[in-house]
Amino acid sequence: MRYSETPPLIYIVTETQLESALSSIATKNLHIYCAFTQKSLNTKLIKDIQYSHFKSISFSDAQTLYPQETLSVKNRAK
């Protein structure tokens, strides 16, 4: 059995950290917990999250998003 040095859950404190994690391939297939509410996010960031490579993204207000990684790039433009 192989073990990864990357933890399965990442704790994110700021929206800026979340934006950085969205563009990092090192965070692929991880669960994210954010120390802020989902309501604090702007529309663009929520759309980016919906098509990200995370397994799930949870927020301090008990909301959780499950990205739709399986959608094609064509469907993302809609």
N, C-alpha and C. Protein backbone atom coordinates (compact mmCIF):
# COMPACT_ATOMS: atom_id res chain seq x y z
N MET A 1 0.84 -1.17 0.00
CA MET A 1 0.00 0.00 0.00
C MET A 1 0.89 1.24 0.00
N ARG A 2 0.51 2.22 -0.83
CA ARG A 2 1.28 3.46 -0.92
C ARG A 2 0.60 4.55 -0.10
N TYR A 3 1.38 5.31 0.61
CA TYR A 3 0.87 6.42 1.40
C TYR A 3 1.36 7.73 0.81
N SER A 4 0.49 8.70 0.77
CA SER A 4 0.83 10.02 0.26
C SER A 4 1.21 10.93 1.42
N GLU A 5 2.14 11.84 1.16
CA GLU A 5 2.50 12.83 2.16
C GLU A 5 1.51 13.98 2.17
N THR A 6 0.63 14.04 1.18
CA THR A 6 -0.38 15.08 1.11
C THR A 6 -1.58 14.69 1.95
N PRO A 7 -2.01 15.56 2.86
CA PRO A 7 -3.18 15.22 3.67
C PRO A 7 -4.45 15.21 2.82
N PRO A 8 -5.45 14.41 3.18
CA PRO A 8 -6.67 14.33 2.38
C PRO A 8 -7.59 15.54 2.57
N LEU A 9 -7.31 16.36 3.60
CA LEU A 9 -8.12 17.53 3.90
C LEU A 9 -7.21 18.75 4.04
N ILE A 10 -7.60 19.83 3.36
CA ILE A 10 -6.83 21.07 3.45
C ILE A 10 -7.70 22.13 4.11
N TYR A 11 -7.15 22.83 5.08
CA TYR A 11 -7.85 23.90 5.79
C TYR A 11 -7.45 25.22 5.16
N ILE A 12 -8.43 25.98 4.68
CA ILE A 12 -8.17 27.25 4.01
C ILE A 12 -8.80 28.38 4.82
N VAL A 13 -7.99 29.41 5.08
CA VAL A 13 -8.43 30.50 5.94
C VAL A 13 -9.00 31.68 5.15
N THR A 14 -8.44 31.97 3.98
CA THR A 14 -8.87 33.15 3.22
C THR A 14 -9.33 32.77 1.81
N GLU A 15 -10.11 33.64 1.21
CA GLU A 15 -10.55 33.43 -0.17
C GLU A 15 -9.36 33.43 -1.14
N THR A 16 -8.34 34.22 -0.82
CA THR A 16 -7.14 34.26 -1.66
C THR A 16 -6.45 32.89 -1.67
N GLN A 17 -6.39 32.24 -0.51
CA GLN A 17 -5.83 30.89 -0.45
C GLN A 17 -6.66 29.91 -1.28
N LEU A 18 -7.96 30.06 -1.25
CA LEU A 18 -8.84 29.20 -2.05
C LEU A 18 -8.59 29.40 -3.53
N GLU A 19 -8.45 30.65 -3.95
CA GLU A 19 -8.15 30.93 -5.36
C GLU A 19 -6.84 30.28 -5.78
N SER A 20 -5.84 30.33 -4.92
CA SER A 20 -4.54 29.70 -5.22
C SER A 20 -4.69 28.19 -5.32
N ALA A 21 -5.46 27.61 -4.41
CA ALA A 21 -5.66 26.16 -4.41
C ALA A 21 -6.40 25.71 -5.68
N LEU A 22 -7.30 26.54 -6.19
CA LEU A 22 -8.04 26.19 -7.41
C LEU A 22 -7.11 26.03 -8.60
N SER A 23 -6.01 26.76 -8.61
CA SER A 23 -5.09 26.69 -9.74
C SER A 23 -3.92 25.73 -9.53
N SER A 24 -3.90 25.06 -8.39
CA SER A 24 -2.79 24.16 -8.07
C SER A 24 -3.17 22.70 -8.33
N ILE A 25 -2.38 22.04 -9.14
CA ILE A 25 -2.61 20.62 -9.43
C ILE A 25 -2.31 19.77 -8.20
N ALA A 26 -1.51 20.29 -7.27
CA ALA A 26 -1.14 19.54 -6.05
C ALA A 26 -2.35 19.29 -5.15
N THR A 27 -3.41 20.05 -5.34
CA THR A 27 -4.61 19.89 -4.50
C THR A 27 -5.67 19.03 -5.18
N LYS A 28 -5.33 18.36 -6.23
CA LYS A 28 -6.30 17.53 -6.96
C LYS A 28 -6.83 16.39 -6.08
N ASN A 29 -8.13 16.17 -6.15
CA ASN A 29 -8.83 15.09 -5.44
C ASN A 29 -8.76 15.19 -3.92
N LEU A 30 -8.70 16.41 -3.39
CA LEU A 30 -8.68 16.60 -1.95
C LEU A 30 -9.99 17.21 -1.48
N HIS A 31 -10.23 17.09 -0.21
CA HIS A 31 -11.35 17.76 0.43
C HIS A 31 -10.82 19.07 1.00
N ILE A 32 -11.60 20.12 0.87
CA ILE A 32 -11.21 21.44 1.34
C ILE A 32 -12.20 21.89 2.41
N TYR A 33 -11.67 22.47 3.48
CA TYR A 33 -12.54 23.10 4.48
C TYR A 33 -12.14 24.57 4.56
N CYS A 34 -13.12 25.47 4.38
CA CYS A 34 -12.86 26.90 4.40
C CYS A 34 -13.36 27.52 5.71
N ALA A 35 -12.56 28.40 6.27
CA ALA A 35 -12.88 29.05 7.54
C ALA A 35 -13.80 30.25 7.35
N PHE A 36 -14.44 30.35 6.21
CA PHE A 36 -15.37 31.44 5.92
C PHE A 36 -16.63 30.84 5.32
N THR A 37 -17.65 31.66 5.16
CA THR A 37 -18.93 31.16 4.67
C THR A 37 -19.00 31.13 3.15
N GLN A 38 -19.85 30.28 2.64
CA GLN A 38 -20.05 30.21 1.20
C GLN A 38 -20.64 31.51 0.68
N LYS A 39 -21.48 32.17 1.48
CA LYS A 39 -22.12 33.41 1.07
C LYS A 39 -21.12 34.54 0.82
N SER A 40 -19.93 34.43 1.36
CA SER A 40 -18.93 35.48 1.18
C SER A 40 -18.24 35.41 -0.18
N LEU A 41 -18.45 34.32 -0.93
CA LEU A 41 -17.80 34.15 -2.22
C LEU A 41 -18.51 34.91 -3.33
N ASN A 42 -17.73 35.41 -4.28
CA ASN A 42 -18.34 36.05 -5.44
C ASN A 42 -18.76 35.00 -6.47
N THR A 43 -19.58 35.38 -7.40
CA THR A 43 -20.16 34.46 -8.38
C THR A 43 -19.09 33.75 -9.21
N LYS A 44 -18.06 34.47 -9.62
CA LYS A 44 -16.99 33.86 -10.44
C LYS A 44 -16.28 32.76 -9.67
N LEU A 45 -15.97 33.02 -8.42
CA LEU A 45 -15.27 32.03 -7.61
C LEU A 45 -16.14 30.79 -7.39
N ILE A 46 -17.43 30.97 -7.19
CA ILE A 46 -18.32 29.82 -7.04
C ILE A 46 -18.36 29.00 -8.32
N LYS A 47 -18.39 29.65 -9.46
CA LYS A 47 -18.38 28.93 -10.74
C LYS A 47 -17.06 28.17 -10.92
N ASP A 48 -15.95 28.81 -10.56
CA ASP A 48 -14.65 28.13 -10.64
C ASP A 48 -14.61 26.90 -9.74
N ILE A 49 -15.21 27.00 -8.57
CA ILE A 49 -15.26 25.87 -7.63
C ILE A 49 -16.07 24.73 -8.22
N GLN A 50 -17.20 25.05 -8.84
CA GLN A 50 -18.08 24.02 -9.38
C GLN A 50 -17.40 23.16 -10.43
N TYR A 51 -16.40 23.69 -11.09
CA TYR A 51 -15.68 22.93 -12.12
C TYR A 51 -14.24 22.65 -11.73
N SER A 52 -13.98 22.63 -10.44
CA SER A 52 -12.62 22.39 -9.95
C SER A 52 -12.33 20.90 -9.81
N HIS A 53 -11.14 20.60 -9.36
CA HIS A 53 -10.66 19.23 -9.22
C HIS A 53 -10.75 18.71 -7.79
N PHE A 54 -11.43 19.44 -6.91
CA PHE A 54 -11.59 18.99 -5.53
C PHE A 54 -12.68 17.94 -5.41
N LYS A 55 -12.60 17.13 -4.37
CA LYS A 55 -13.68 16.17 -4.09
C LYS A 55 -14.86 16.89 -3.46
N SER A 56 -14.56 17.79 -2.52
CA SER A 56 -15.61 18.59 -1.88
C SER A 56 -14.99 19.83 -1.27
N ILE A 57 -15.83 20.84 -1.09
CA ILE A 57 -15.40 22.07 -0.44
C ILE A 57 -16.47 22.44 0.58
N SER A 58 -16.09 22.43 1.85
CA SER A 58 -17.03 22.74 2.93
C SER A 58 -16.69 24.11 3.51
N PHE A 59 -17.72 24.75 4.06
CA PHE A 59 -17.57 26.10 4.59
C PHE A 59 -18.00 26.15 6.05
N SER A 60 -17.64 27.22 6.74
CA SER A 60 -17.93 27.34 8.17
C SER A 60 -19.42 27.46 8.47
N ASP A 61 -20.24 27.74 7.44
CA ASP A 61 -21.69 27.82 7.64
C ASP A 61 -22.39 26.49 7.33
N ALA A 62 -21.62 25.41 7.34
CA ALA A 62 -22.12 24.04 7.14
C ALA A 62 -22.59 23.76 5.71
N GLN A 63 -22.23 24.61 4.76
CA GLN A 63 -22.54 24.38 3.35
C GLN A 63 -21.39 23.60 2.72
N THR A 64 -21.71 22.73 1.77
CA THR A 64 -20.68 21.96 1.07
C THR A 64 -20.99 21.95 -0.41
N LEU A 65 -19.95 22.17 -1.22
CA LEU A 65 -20.07 22.09 -2.67
C LEU A 65 -19.33 20.85 -3.15
N TYR A 66 -19.92 20.17 -4.11
CA TYR A 66 -19.30 19.00 -4.73
C TYR A 66 -19.07 19.34 -6.19
N PRO A 67 -17.83 19.63 -6.57
CA PRO A 67 -17.54 20.02 -7.95
C PRO A 67 -18.00 19.00 -8.97
N GLN A 68 -18.33 19.50 -10.14
CA GLN A 68 -18.82 18.68 -11.24
C GLN A 68 -17.71 18.46 -12.26
N GLU A 69 -16.64 17.84 -11.85
CA GLU A 69 -15.46 17.66 -12.69
C GLU A 69 -15.77 16.91 -13.98
N THR A 70 -16.82 16.12 -14.00
CA THR A 70 -17.11 15.30 -15.17
C THR A 70 -17.74 16.09 -16.32
N LEU A 71 -18.16 17.32 -16.08
CA LEU A 71 -18.74 18.10 -17.16
C LEU A 71 -17.66 18.51 -18.16
N SER A 72 -18.03 18.56 -19.40
CA SER A 72 -17.06 18.93 -20.43
C SER A 72 -16.83 20.44 -20.44
N VAL A 73 -15.76 20.85 -21.08
CA VAL A 73 -15.42 22.26 -21.18
C VAL A 73 -16.55 23.00 -21.93
N LYS A 74 -17.16 22.34 -22.90
CA LYS A 74 -18.24 22.95 -23.66
C LYS A 74 -19.41 23.32 -22.75
N ASN A 75 -19.75 22.45 -21.80
CA ASN A 75 -20.86 22.70 -20.89
C ASN A 75 -20.54 23.78 -19.88
N ARG A 76 -19.29 24.03 -19.60
CA ARG A 76 -18.89 25.04 -18.63
C ARG A 76 -19.23 26.45 -19.09
N ALA A 77 -19.25 26.67 -20.38
CA ALA A 77 -19.51 27.99 -20.92
C ALA A 77 -20.97 28.41 -20.75
N LYS A 78 -21.84 27.47 -20.48
CA LYS A 78 -23.27 27.78 -20.36
C LYS A 78 -23.59 28.57 -19.13
